[in-house]
All heavy atoms as atom14 arrays in JSON, in Angstrom:
{
  "sequence": "TAVDAAETLDGRRTAWAANAAAPATLARLSREHGFTLVHYS",
  "atom14_mask": [
    [1, 1, 1, 1, 1, 1, 1, 0, 0, 0, 0, 0, 0, 0],
    [1, 1, 1, 1, 1, 0, 0, 0, 0, 0, 0, 0, 0, 0],
    [1, 1, 1, 1, 1, 1, 1, 0, 0, 0, 0, 0, 0, 0],
    [1, 1, 1, 1, 1, 1, 1, 1, 0, 0, 0, 0, 0, 0],
    [1, 1, 1, 1, 1, 0, 0, 0, 0, 0, 0, 0, 0, 0],
    [1, 1, 1, 1, 1, 0, 0, 0, 0, 0, 0, 0, 0, 0],
    [1, 1, 1, 1, 1, 1, 1, 1, 1, 0, 0, 0, 0, 0],
    [1, 1, 1, 1, 1, 1, 1, 0, 0, 0, 0, 0, 0, 0],
    [1, 1, 1, 1, 1, 1, 1, 1, 0, 0, 0, 0, 0, 0],
    [1, 1, 1, 1, 1, 1, 1, 1, 0, 0, 0, 0, 0, 0],
    [1, 1, 1, 1, 0, 0, 0, 0, 0, 0, 0, 0, 0, 0],
    [1, 1, 1, 1, 1, 1, 1, 1, 1, 1, 1, 0, 0, 0],
    [1, 1, 1, 1, 1, 1, 1, 1, 1, 1, 1, 0, 0, 0],
    [1, 1, 1, 1, 1, 1, 1, 0, 0, 0, 0, 0, 0, 0],
    [1, 1, 1, 1, 1, 0, 0, 0, 0, 0, 0, 0, 0, 0],
    [1, 1, 1, 1, 1, 1, 1, 1, 1, 1, 1, 1, 1, 1],
    [1, 1, 1, 1, 1, 0, 0, 0, 0, 0, 0, 0, 0, 0],
    [1, 1, 1, 1, 1, 0, 0, 0, 0, 0, 0, 0, 0, 0],
    [1, 1, 1, 1, 1, 1, 1, 1, 0, 0, 0, 0, 0, 0],
    [1, 1, 1, 1, 1, 0, 0, 0, 0, 0, 0, 0, 0, 0],
    [1, 1, 1, 1, 1, 0, 0, 0, 0, 0, 0, 0, 0, 0],
    [1, 1, 1, 1, 1, 0, 0, 0, 0, 0, 0, 0, 0, 0],
    [1, 1, 1, 1, 1, 1, 1, 0, 0, 0, 0, 0, 0, 0],
    [1, 1, 1, 1, 1, 0, 0, 0, 0, 0, 0, 0, 0, 0],
    [1, 1, 1, 1, 1, 1, 1, 0, 0, 0, 0, 0, 0, 0],
    [1, 1, 1, 1, 1, 1, 1, 1, 0, 0, 0, 0, 0, 0],
    [1, 1, 1, 1, 1, 0, 0, 0, 0, 0, 0, 0, 0, 0],
    [1, 1, 1, 1, 1, 1, 1, 1, 1, 1, 1, 0, 0, 0],
    [1, 1, 1, 1, 1, 1, 1, 1, 0, 0, 0, 0, 0, 0],
    [1, 1, 1, 1, 1, 1, 0, 0, 0, 0, 0, 0, 0, 0],
    [1, 1, 1, 1, 1, 1, 1, 1, 1, 1, 1, 0, 0, 0],
    [1, 1, 1, 1, 1, 1, 1, 1, 1, 0, 0, 0, 0, 0],
    [1, 1, 1, 1, 1, 1, 1, 1, 1, 1, 0, 0, 0, 0],
    [1, 1, 1, 1, 0, 0, 0, 0, 0, 0, 0, 0, 0, 0],
    [1, 1, 1, 1, 1, 1, 1, 1, 1, 1, 1, 0, 0, 0],
    [1, 1, 1, 1, 1, 1, 1, 0, 0, 0, 0, 0, 0, 0],
    [1, 1, 1, 1, 1, 1, 1, 1, 0, 0, 0, 0, 0, 0],
    [1, 1, 1, 1, 1, 1, 1, 0, 0, 0, 0, 0, 0, 0],
    [1, 1, 1, 1, 1, 1, 1, 1, 1, 1, 0, 0, 0, 0],
    [1, 1, 1, 1, 1, 1, 1, 1, 1, 1, 1, 1, 0, 0],
    [1, 1, 1, 1, 1, 1, 0, 0, 0, 0, 0, 0, 0, 0]
  ],
  "atom14_positions": [
    [[-1.22, 9.38, 3.34], [-0.41, 10.49, 2.85], [0.01, 11.49, 3.95], [0.55, 12.49, 3.67], [-1.16, 11.31, 1.76], [-2.45, 11.79, 2.31], [-1.5, 10.4, 0.57], [0.0, 0.0, 0.0], [0.0, 0.0, 0.0], [0.0, 0.0, 0.0], [0.0, 0.0, 0.0], [0.0, 0.0, 0.0], [0.0, 0.0, 0.0], [0.0, 0.0, 0.0]],
    [[-0.23, 11.13, 5.18], [0.17, 12.05, 6.35], [1.74, 11.87, 6.58], [2.04, 11.08, 7.37], [-0.58, 11.63, 7.58], [0.0, 0.0, 0.0], [0.0, 0.0, 0.0], [0.0, 0.0, 0.0], [0.0, 0.0, 0.0], [0.0, 0.0, 0.0], [0.0, 0.0, 0.0], [0.0, 0.0, 0.0], [0.0, 0.0, 0.0], [0.0, 0.0, 0.0]],
    [[2.48, 12.72, 5.89], [3.95, 12.48, 5.82], [4.5, 12.51, 7.2], [5.34, 11.65, 7.57], [4.55, 13.5, 4.91], [6.05, 13.4, 4.96], [4.03, 13.4, 3.53], [0.0, 0.0, 0.0], [0.0, 0.0, 0.0], [0.0, 0.0, 0.0], [0.0, 0.0, 0.0], [0.0, 0.0, 0.0], [0.0, 0.0, 0.0], [0.0, 0.0, 0.0]],
    [[4.21, 13.54, 8.07], [4.75, 13.66, 9.36], [4.17, 12.67, 10.29], [4.99, 12.11, 11.15], [4.54, 15.12, 9.86], [5.32, 16.11, 8.99], [6.37, 15.81, 8.5], [4.82, 17.26, 8.93], [0.0, 0.0, 0.0], [0.0, 0.0, 0.0], [0.0, 0.0, 0.0], [0.0, 0.0, 0.0], [0.0, 0.0, 0.0], [0.0, 0.0, 0.0]],
    [[3.01, 12.32, 10.26], [2.33, 11.38, 11.18], [2.86, 9.99, 10.96], [2.88, 9.15, 11.9], [0.77, 11.39, 11.06], [0.0, 0.0, 0.0], [0.0, 0.0, 0.0], [0.0, 0.0, 0.0], [0.0, 0.0, 0.0], [0.0, 0.0, 0.0], [0.0, 0.0, 0.0], [0.0, 0.0, 0.0], [0.0, 0.0, 0.0], [0.0, 0.0, 0.0]],
    [[3.37, 9.8, 9.72], [3.96, 8.47, 9.45], [5.17, 8.15, 10.35], [5.55, 7.0, 10.37], [4.3, 8.26, 8.02], [0.0, 0.0, 0.0], [0.0, 0.0, 0.0], [0.0, 0.0, 0.0], [0.0, 0.0, 0.0], [0.0, 0.0, 0.0], [0.0, 0.0, 0.0], [0.0, 0.0, 0.0], [0.0, 0.0, 0.0], [0.0, 0.0, 0.0]],
    [[5.71, 9.21, 10.94], [6.99, 9.05, 11.77], [6.58, 8.57, 13.16], [7.44, 8.15, 13.95], [7.73, 10.37, 11.85], [8.17, 10.93, 10.49], [9.32, 10.08, 9.87], [10.08, 9.38, 10.68], [9.43, 9.99, 8.66], [0.0, 0.0, 0.0], [0.0, 0.0, 0.0], [0.0, 0.0, 0.0], [0.0, 0.0, 0.0], [0.0, 0.0, 0.0]],
    [[5.33, 8.63, 13.46], [4.81, 8.1, 14.86], [4.58, 6.62, 14.85], [4.5, 5.95, 13.76], [3.52, 8.83, 15.2], [2.49, 8.48, 14.39], [3.74, 10.42, 15.18], [0.0, 0.0, 0.0], [0.0, 0.0, 0.0], [0.0, 0.0, 0.0], [0.0, 0.0, 0.0], [0.0, 0.0, 0.0], [0.0, 0.0, 0.0], [0.0, 0.0, 0.0]],
    [[4.42, 5.97, 15.94], [4.22, 4.55, 16.04], [3.0, 4.17, 15.26], [3.04, 3.22, 14.39], [4.15, 4.1, 17.48], [3.97, 2.58, 17.79], [5.06, 1.76, 17.12], [3.77, 2.21, 19.21], [0.0, 0.0, 0.0], [0.0, 0.0, 0.0], [0.0, 0.0, 0.0], [0.0, 0.0, 0.0], [0.0, 0.0, 0.0], [0.0, 0.0, 0.0]],
    [[1.81, 4.69, 15.57], [0.61, 4.34, 14.94], [0.7, 4.7, 13.45], [0.15, 3.92, 12.59], [-0.63, 5.02, 15.62], [-0.93, 4.41, 17.01], [-0.4, 3.32, 17.23], [-1.6, 5.09, 17.81], [0.0, 0.0, 0.0], [0.0, 0.0, 0.0], [0.0, 0.0, 0.0], [0.0, 0.0, 0.0], [0.0, 0.0, 0.0], [0.0, 0.0, 0.0]],
    [[1.15, 5.85, 13.16], [1.25, 6.26, 11.72], [2.14, 5.44, 10.94], [1.73, 5.12, 9.77], [0.0, 0.0, 0.0], [0.0, 0.0, 0.0], [0.0, 0.0, 0.0], [0.0, 0.0, 0.0], [0.0, 0.0, 0.0], [0.0, 0.0, 0.0], [0.0, 0.0, 0.0], [0.0, 0.0, 0.0], [0.0, 0.0, 0.0], [0.0, 0.0, 0.0]],
    [[3.26, 4.92, 11.53], [4.2, 4.03, 10.82], [3.43, 2.74, 10.43], [3.52, 2.27, 9.27], [5.39, 3.83, 11.64], [6.42, 2.98, 11.0], [7.79, 3.05, 11.74], [7.8, 2.66, 13.05], [7.94, 3.53, 14.13], [8.07, 4.82, 13.82], [7.91, 3.14, 15.34], [0.0, 0.0, 0.0], [0.0, 0.0, 0.0], [0.0, 0.0, 0.0]],
    [[2.7, 2.16, 11.3], [2.05, 0.97, 11.08], [0.93, 1.12, 10.0], [0.84, 0.27, 9.06], [1.32, 0.37, 12.41], [2.34, -0.04, 13.44], [1.73, -0.43, 14.7], [2.67, -0.97, 15.61], [2.39, -1.16, 16.92], [1.27, -0.89, 17.5], [3.32, -1.77, 17.71], [0.0, 0.0, 0.0], [0.0, 0.0, 0.0], [0.0, 0.0, 0.0]],
    [[0.25, 2.22, 10.09], [-0.87, 2.5, 9.11], [-0.2, 2.73, 7.78], [-0.74, 2.25, 6.74], [-1.72, 3.62, 9.59], [-2.23, 3.41, 10.8], [-2.89, 3.84, 8.57], [0.0, 0.0, 0.0], [0.0, 0.0, 0.0], [0.0, 0.0, 0.0], [0.0, 0.0, 0.0], [0.0, 0.0, 0.0], [0.0, 0.0, 0.0], [0.0, 0.0, 0.0]],
    [[0.83, 3.49, 7.69], [1.53, 3.86, 6.37], [2.02, 2.54, 5.69], [1.85, 2.42, 4.55], [2.57, 4.84, 6.64], [0.0, 0.0, 0.0], [0.0, 0.0, 0.0], [0.0, 0.0, 0.0], [0.0, 0.0, 0.0], [0.0, 0.0, 0.0], [0.0, 0.0, 0.0], [0.0, 0.0, 0.0], [0.0, 0.0, 0.0], [0.0, 0.0, 0.0]],
    [[2.65, 1.69, 6.52], [3.22, 0.48, 5.93], [2.05, -0.42, 5.36], [2.19, -1.1, 4.33], [4.03, -0.31, 6.98], [5.48, 0.23, 6.93], [6.05, 1.05, 7.84], [6.47, -0.07, 5.96], [7.35, 1.32, 7.47], [7.57, 0.61, 6.37], [6.57, -0.87, 4.88], [8.85, 0.6, 5.57], [7.76, -0.9, 4.03], [8.85, -0.16, 4.45]],
    [[0.98, -0.53, 6.14], [-0.09, -1.32, 5.74], [-0.78, -0.76, 4.37], [-1.05, -1.56, 3.44], [-1.23, -1.44, 6.77], [0.0, 0.0, 0.0], [0.0, 0.0, 0.0], [0.0, 0.0, 0.0], [0.0, 0.0, 0.0], [0.0, 0.0, 0.0], [0.0, 0.0, 0.0], [0.0, 0.0, 0.0], [0.0, 0.0, 0.0], [0.0, 0.0, 0.0]],
    [[-1.09, 0.49, 4.36], [-1.77, 1.14, 3.25], [-0.81, 1.36, 2.02], [-1.27, 1.09, 0.89], [-2.29, 2.49, 3.62], [0.0, 0.0, 0.0], [0.0, 0.0, 0.0], [0.0, 0.0, 0.0], [0.0, 0.0, 0.0], [0.0, 0.0, 0.0], [0.0, 0.0, 0.0], [0.0, 0.0, 0.0], [0.0, 0.0, 0.0], [0.0, 0.0, 0.0]],
    [[0.38, 1.66, 2.23], [1.31, 2.05, 1.14], [2.2, 0.96, 0.58], [2.72, 1.07, -0.45], [2.14, 3.22, 1.55], [1.3, 4.46, 1.83], [0.19, 4.56, 1.54], [2.04, 5.43, 2.53], [0.0, 0.0, 0.0], [0.0, 0.0, 0.0], [0.0, 0.0, 0.0], [0.0, 0.0, 0.0], [0.0, 0.0, 0.0], [0.0, 0.0, 0.0]],
    [[2.38, -0.11, 1.42], [3.21, -1.2, 1.0], [2.46, -2.54, 0.89], [2.56, -3.25, -0.09], [4.5, -1.27, 1.94], [0.0, 0.0, 0.0], [0.0, 0.0, 0.0], [0.0, 0.0, 0.0], [0.0, 0.0, 0.0], [0.0, 0.0, 0.0], [0.0, 0.0, 0.0], [0.0, 0.0, 0.0], [0.0, 0.0, 0.0], [0.0, 0.0, 0.0]],
    [[1.87, -2.9, 2.07], [1.19, -4.17, 2.04], [0.05, -4.28, 1.11], [-0.19, -5.33, 0.33], [0.69, -4.48, 3.52], [0.0, 0.0, 0.0], [0.0, 0.0, 0.0], [0.0, 0.0, 0.0], [0.0, 0.0, 0.0], [0.0, 0.0, 0.0], [0.0, 0.0, 0.0], [0.0, 0.0, 0.0], [0.0, 0.0, 0.0], [0.0, 0.0, 0.0]],
    [[-0.78, -3.18, 1.04], [-1.95, -3.21, 0.19], [-1.53, -3.27, -1.3], [-2.11, -4.1, -2.08], [-2.81, -2.0, 0.47], [0.0, 0.0, 0.0], [0.0, 0.0, 0.0], [0.0, 0.0, 0.0], [0.0, 0.0, 0.0], [0.0, 0.0, 0.0], [0.0, 0.0, 0.0], [0.0, 0.0, 0.0], [0.0, 0.0, 0.0], [0.0, 0.0, 0.0]],
    [[-0.6, -2.49, -1.77], [-0.18, -2.65, -3.15], [0.46, -4.08, -3.49], [0.24, -4.65, -4.56], [0.94, -1.58, -3.23], [0.58, -0.56, -2.25], [0.02, -1.31, -1.08], [0.0, 0.0, 0.0], [0.0, 0.0, 0.0], [0.0, 0.0, 0.0], [0.0, 0.0, 0.0], [0.0, 0.0, 0.0], [0.0, 0.0, 0.0], [0.0, 0.0, 0.0]],
    [[1.09, -4.68, -2.41], [1.61, -6.02, -2.65], [0.41, -6.99, -2.95], [0.52, -7.89, -3.74], [2.41, -6.46, -1.56], [0.0, 0.0, 0.0], [0.0, 0.0, 0.0], [0.0, 0.0, 0.0], [0.0, 0.0, 0.0], [0.0, 0.0, 0.0], [0.0, 0.0, 0.0], [0.0, 0.0, 0.0], [0.0, 0.0, 0.0], [0.0, 0.0, 0.0]],
    [[-0.62, -6.9, -2.04], [-1.78, -7.65, -2.27], [-2.46, -7.43, -3.59], [-2.76, -8.46, -4.3], [-2.83, -7.36, -1.14], [-2.21, -7.7, 0.08], [-4.11, -8.18, -1.35], [0.0, 0.0, 0.0], [0.0, 0.0, 0.0], [0.0, 0.0, 0.0], [0.0, 0.0, 0.0], [0.0, 0.0, 0.0], [0.0, 0.0, 0.0], [0.0, 0.0, 0.0]],
    [[-2.61, -6.22, -4.02], [-3.15, -5.95, -5.35], [-2.35, -6.45, -6.53], [-2.85, -6.93, -7.61], [-3.38, -4.4, -5.5], [-4.43, -3.75, -4.63], [-4.47, -2.28, -4.8], [-5.83, -4.35, -4.97], [0.0, 0.0, 0.0], [0.0, 0.0, 0.0], [0.0, 0.0, 0.0], [0.0, 0.0, 0.0], [0.0, 0.0, 0.0], [0.0, 0.0, 0.0]],
    [[-1.05, -6.42, -6.33], [-0.21, -6.96, -7.42], [-0.35, -8.45, -7.52], [-0.38, -9.04, -8.61], [1.34, -6.6, -7.13], [0.0, 0.0, 0.0], [0.0, 0.0, 0.0], [0.0, 0.0, 0.0], [0.0, 0.0, 0.0], [0.0, 0.0, 0.0], [0.0, 0.0, 0.0], [0.0, 0.0, 0.0], [0.0, 0.0, 0.0], [0.0, 0.0, 0.0]],
    [[-0.45, -9.15, -6.37], [-0.72, -10.57, -6.38], [-2.04, -10.9, -7.09], [-2.1, -11.8, -7.9], [-0.7, -11.11, -4.97], [-1.21, -12.54, -4.87], [-1.16, -13.05, -3.38], [-1.98, -12.39, -2.59], [-3.28, -12.55, -2.45], [-3.9, -13.48, -3.21], [-4.11, -11.92, -1.55], [0.0, 0.0, 0.0], [0.0, 0.0, 0.0], [0.0, 0.0, 0.0]],
    [[-3.06, -10.1, -6.74], [-4.43, -10.32, -7.35], [-4.39, -10.07, -8.81], [-5.02, -10.74, -9.58], [-5.42, -9.44, -6.63], [-5.7, -9.8, -5.19], [-6.5, -8.65, -4.45], [-6.49, -11.12, -5.06], [0.0, 0.0, 0.0], [0.0, 0.0, 0.0], [0.0, 0.0, 0.0], [0.0, 0.0, 0.0], [0.0, 0.0, 0.0], [0.0, 0.0, 0.0]],
    [[-3.61, -9.08, -9.16], [-3.45, -8.79, -10.68], [-2.86, -10.03, -11.45], [-3.29, -10.42, -12.49], [-2.57, -7.57, -10.86], [-2.33, -7.32, -12.26], [0.0, 0.0, 0.0], [0.0, 0.0, 0.0], [0.0, 0.0, 0.0], [0.0, 0.0, 0.0], [0.0, 0.0, 0.0], [0.0, 0.0, 0.0], [0.0, 0.0, 0.0], [0.0, 0.0, 0.0]],
    [[-1.85, -10.61, -10.78], [-1.24, -11.8, -11.41], [-2.24, -13.03, -11.47], [-2.34, -13.67, -12.46], [-0.02, -12.24, -10.6], [1.13, -11.25, -10.59], [2.43, -11.93, -10.04], [2.36, -12.41, -8.72], [2.5, -11.62, -7.63], [2.86, -10.37, -7.8], [2.41, -12.23, -6.41], [0.0, 0.0, 0.0], [0.0, 0.0, 0.0], [0.0, 0.0, 0.0]],
    [[-3.04, -13.17, -10.45], [-3.9, -14.24, -10.41], [-5.14, -14.1, -11.29], [-5.64, -15.08, -11.87], [-4.47, -14.47, -8.95], [-3.36, -14.92, -7.9], [-3.84, -14.93, -6.54], [-4.97, -14.68, -6.22], [-2.98, -15.31, -5.66], [0.0, 0.0, 0.0], [0.0, 0.0, 0.0], [0.0, 0.0, 0.0], [0.0, 0.0, 0.0], [0.0, 0.0, 0.0]],
    [[-5.64, -12.86, -11.39], [-6.94, -12.62, -12.05], [-6.69, -11.96, -13.42], [-7.74, -11.74, -14.18], [-7.87, -11.84, -11.26], [-8.3, -12.59, -9.96], [-9.27, -13.62, -9.98], [-7.77, -12.54, -8.74], [-9.46, -14.04, -8.78], [-8.48, -13.44, -7.91], [0.0, 0.0, 0.0], [0.0, 0.0, 0.0], [0.0, 0.0, 0.0], [0.0, 0.0, 0.0]],
    [[-5.56, -11.5, -13.76], [-5.25, -10.94, -15.04], [-5.72, -9.46, -15.26], [-5.72, -9.04, -16.43], [0.0, 0.0, 0.0], [0.0, 0.0, 0.0], [0.0, 0.0, 0.0], [0.0, 0.0, 0.0], [0.0, 0.0, 0.0], [0.0, 0.0, 0.0], [0.0, 0.0, 0.0], [0.0, 0.0, 0.0], [0.0, 0.0, 0.0], [0.0, 0.0, 0.0]],
    [[-6.17, -8.76, -14.24], [-6.51, -7.38, -14.5], [-5.31, -6.48, -14.56], [-4.27, -6.71, -14.03], [-7.56, -6.94, -13.38], [-7.06, -6.93, -12.02], [-6.19, -5.99, -11.49], [-7.63, -7.88, -11.09], [-5.76, -6.05, -10.24], [-7.16, -7.91, -9.75], [-6.16, -6.94, -9.27], [0.0, 0.0, 0.0], [0.0, 0.0, 0.0], [0.0, 0.0, 0.0]],
    [[-5.55, -5.4, -15.22], [-4.48, -4.29, -15.25], [-4.64, -3.49, -13.92], [-5.73, -3.08, -13.54], [-4.71, -3.39, -16.52], [-4.59, -4.13, -17.68], [-3.8, -2.19, -16.47], [0.0, 0.0, 0.0], [0.0, 0.0, 0.0], [0.0, 0.0, 0.0], [0.0, 0.0, 0.0], [0.0, 0.0, 0.0], [0.0, 0.0, 0.0], [0.0, 0.0, 0.0]],
    [[-3.46, -3.22, -13.37], [-3.46, -2.52, -12.12], [-2.64, -1.18, -12.31], [-1.65, -1.12, -12.79], [-2.65, -3.35, -11.14], [-2.38, -2.67, -9.74], [-3.66, -2.38, -8.99], [-1.5, -3.61, -8.86], [0.0, 0.0, 0.0], [0.0, 0.0, 0.0], [0.0, 0.0, 0.0], [0.0, 0.0, 0.0], [0.0, 0.0, 0.0], [0.0, 0.0, 0.0]],
    [[-3.44, -0.11, -11.94], [-2.85, 1.24, -12.01], [-2.63, 1.71, -10.58], [-3.57, 1.76, -9.69], [-3.67, 2.23, -12.72], [-3.04, 3.64, -12.77], [-3.96, 1.78, -14.12], [0.0, 0.0, 0.0], [0.0, 0.0, 0.0], [0.0, 0.0, 0.0], [0.0, 0.0, 0.0], [0.0, 0.0, 0.0], [0.0, 0.0, 0.0], [0.0, 0.0, 0.0]],
    [[-1.38, 2.17, -10.16], [-1.04, 2.56, -8.87], [-0.38, 3.95, -8.93], [0.36, 4.22, -9.93], [-0.14, 1.51, -8.19], [0.18, 1.8, -6.83], [-0.65, 1.8, -5.79], [1.43, 2.34, -6.32], [0.07, 2.17, -4.59], [1.29, 2.43, -4.95], [0.0, 0.0, 0.0], [0.0, 0.0, 0.0], [0.0, 0.0, 0.0], [0.0, 0.0, 0.0]],
    [[-0.48, 4.73, -7.87], [0.03, 6.04, -7.94], [1.01, 6.19, -6.79], [0.78, 5.83, -5.65], [-1.09, 7.04, -7.71], [-2.13, 6.97, -8.79], [-3.29, 6.08, -8.61], [-1.93, 7.59, -10.02], [-4.12, 5.91, -9.63], [-2.91, 7.36, -11.05], [-3.97, 6.52, -10.92], [-4.86, 6.4, -11.91], [0.0, 0.0, 0.0], [0.0, 0.0, 0.0]],
    [[2.19, 6.79, -7.15], [3.3, 6.91, -6.19], [3.77, 8.34, -6.04], [3.05, 9.22, -6.51], [4.39, 6.04, -6.57], [5.48, 5.97, -5.59], [0.0, 0.0, 0.0], [0.0, 0.0, 0.0], [0.0, 0.0, 0.0], [0.0, 0.0, 0.0], [0.0, 0.0, 0.0], [0.0, 0.0, 0.0], [0.0, 0.0, 0.0], [0.0, 0.0, 0.0]]
  ]
}
């Protein structure tokens, strides 16, 4: 959630991993295992 730090090189990589890649992984796991997934945006 570090909005300004996300504009830096390291922050951009961390933000994409946590806010985009991780939810994509959880969505895949939800499809595979049938659990309900709640996410906050």
